[in-house]
C-alpha cells in the first residue's frame, strides 16, 4: 500500500490523494486499487476494472482489505 497526500487537490484527484494498493501472488494481480492519471479512482477485482469512489483513506484501506479477504475465501 502506498498513499500520498498531494500538496493540493487537482481535477483528477479532487480528494487530494494519490494511491496504489496491490495484492498479488506469483506475479499475478489479484486485487488492486489505484488512481493513475487519466483513469481516476478505480479498482481491479476478478480481472475486472471498475470505478471506485474514494470517501476516506480509512475506508479505502477497509474496502481493499475486504476485497482481498473475499478473494482469498473464493480461492480456498
Protein backbone atom coordinates (compact mmCIF):
# COMPACT_ATOMS: atom_id res chain seq x y z
CA UNK A 1 0.00 0.00 0.00
CA UNK A 2 1.28 3.42 -0.95
CA UNK A 3 -0.81 6.53 -0.29
CA UNK A 4 0.42 10.06 -0.90
CA UNK A 5 -1.27 13.23 0.30
CA UNK A 6 -0.87 15.71 -2.55
CA UNK A 7 0.18 19.32 -1.90
CA UNK A 8 -3.24 20.32 -3.22
CA UNK A 9 -6.21 18.59 -4.89
CA UNK A 10 -6.44 18.71 -8.66
CA UNK A 11 -9.09 17.96 -11.27
CA UNK A 12 -8.21 14.25 -11.40
CA UNK A 13 -7.76 13.85 -7.65
CA UNK A 14 -10.21 16.26 -6.00
CA UNK A 15 -9.83 14.39 -2.69
CA UNK A 16 -6.11 15.27 -2.65
CA UNK A 17 -4.69 11.72 -2.59
CA UNK A 18 -2.70 9.56 -4.96
CA UNK A 19 -2.66 5.89 -4.08
CA UNK A 20 -1.69 2.39 -5.15
CA UNK A 21 -2.84 -0.65 -3.16
CA UNK A 22 -1.81 -4.00 -4.61
CA UNK A 23 -2.28 -7.63 -3.64
CA UNK A 24 -0.88 -10.34 -5.88
CA UNK A 25 0.78 -13.71 -5.99
CA UNK A 26 3.28 -15.29 -8.39
CA UNK A 27 3.38 -12.11 -10.48
CA UNK A 28 -0.40 -12.07 -10.92
CA UNK A 29 -2.57 -9.19 -9.74
CA UNK A 30 -5.42 -10.43 -7.57
CA UNK A 31 -6.79 -7.15 -6.20
CA UNK A 32 -5.59 -3.59 -6.68
CA UNK A 33 -6.90 -0.07 -6.17
CA UNK A 34 -5.30 2.98 -7.76
CA UNK A 35 -5.91 6.33 -9.36
CA UNK A 36 -3.40 6.56 -12.15
CA UNK A 37 -3.57 9.73 -14.19
CA UNK A 38 -6.15 9.57 -16.95
CA UNK A 39 -8.18 6.80 -15.30
CA UNK A 40 -9.29 8.28 -12.00
CA UNK A 41 -10.16 6.24 -8.93
CA UNK A 42 -10.72 2.58 -9.79
CA UNK A 43 -10.15 -0.97 -8.62
CA UNK A 44 -9.26 -4.28 -10.22
CA UNK A 45 -11.00 -7.37 -8.80
CA UNK A 46 -11.56 -10.72 -10.52
CA UNK A 47 -9.70 -9.38 -13.57
CA UNK A 48 -12.27 -6.60 -14.00
CA UNK A 49 -11.51 -2.88 -13.75
CA UNK A 50 -14.32 -0.76 -12.33
CA UNK A 51 -14.71 2.76 -10.94
CA UNK A 52 -14.18 3.29 -7.22
CA UNK A 53 -15.44 6.23 -5.17
CA UNK A 54 -12.87 7.35 -2.61
CA UNK A 55 -14.60 8.61 0.54
CA UNK A 56 -11.79 8.50 3.13
CA UNK A 57 -8.36 6.90 3.35
CA UNK A 58 -9.56 4.65 6.18
CA UNK A 59 -12.48 3.46 4.04
CA UNK A 60 -10.15 2.91 1.06
CA UNK A 61 -7.99 0.58 3.16
CA UNK A 62 -11.04 -1.20 4.62
CA UNK A 63 -12.55 -1.77 1.16
CA UNK A 64 -9.24 -3.03 -0.22
CA UNK A 65 -8.68 -5.45 2.66
CA UNK A 66 -12.28 -6.69 2.42
CA UNK A 67 -11.82 -7.45 -1.31
CA UNK A 68 -8.56 -9.27 -0.55
CA UNK A 69 -10.26 -11.34 2.17
CA UNK A 70 -13.21 -12.21 -0.14
CA UNK A 71 -10.83 -13.24 -2.93
CA UNK A 72 -8.84 -15.43 -0.55
CA UNK A 73 -12.03 -17.22 0.59
CA UNK A 74 -13.12 -17.74 -3.03
CA UNK A 75 -9.74 -19.18 -3.97
CA UNK A 76 -9.54 -21.50 -0.95
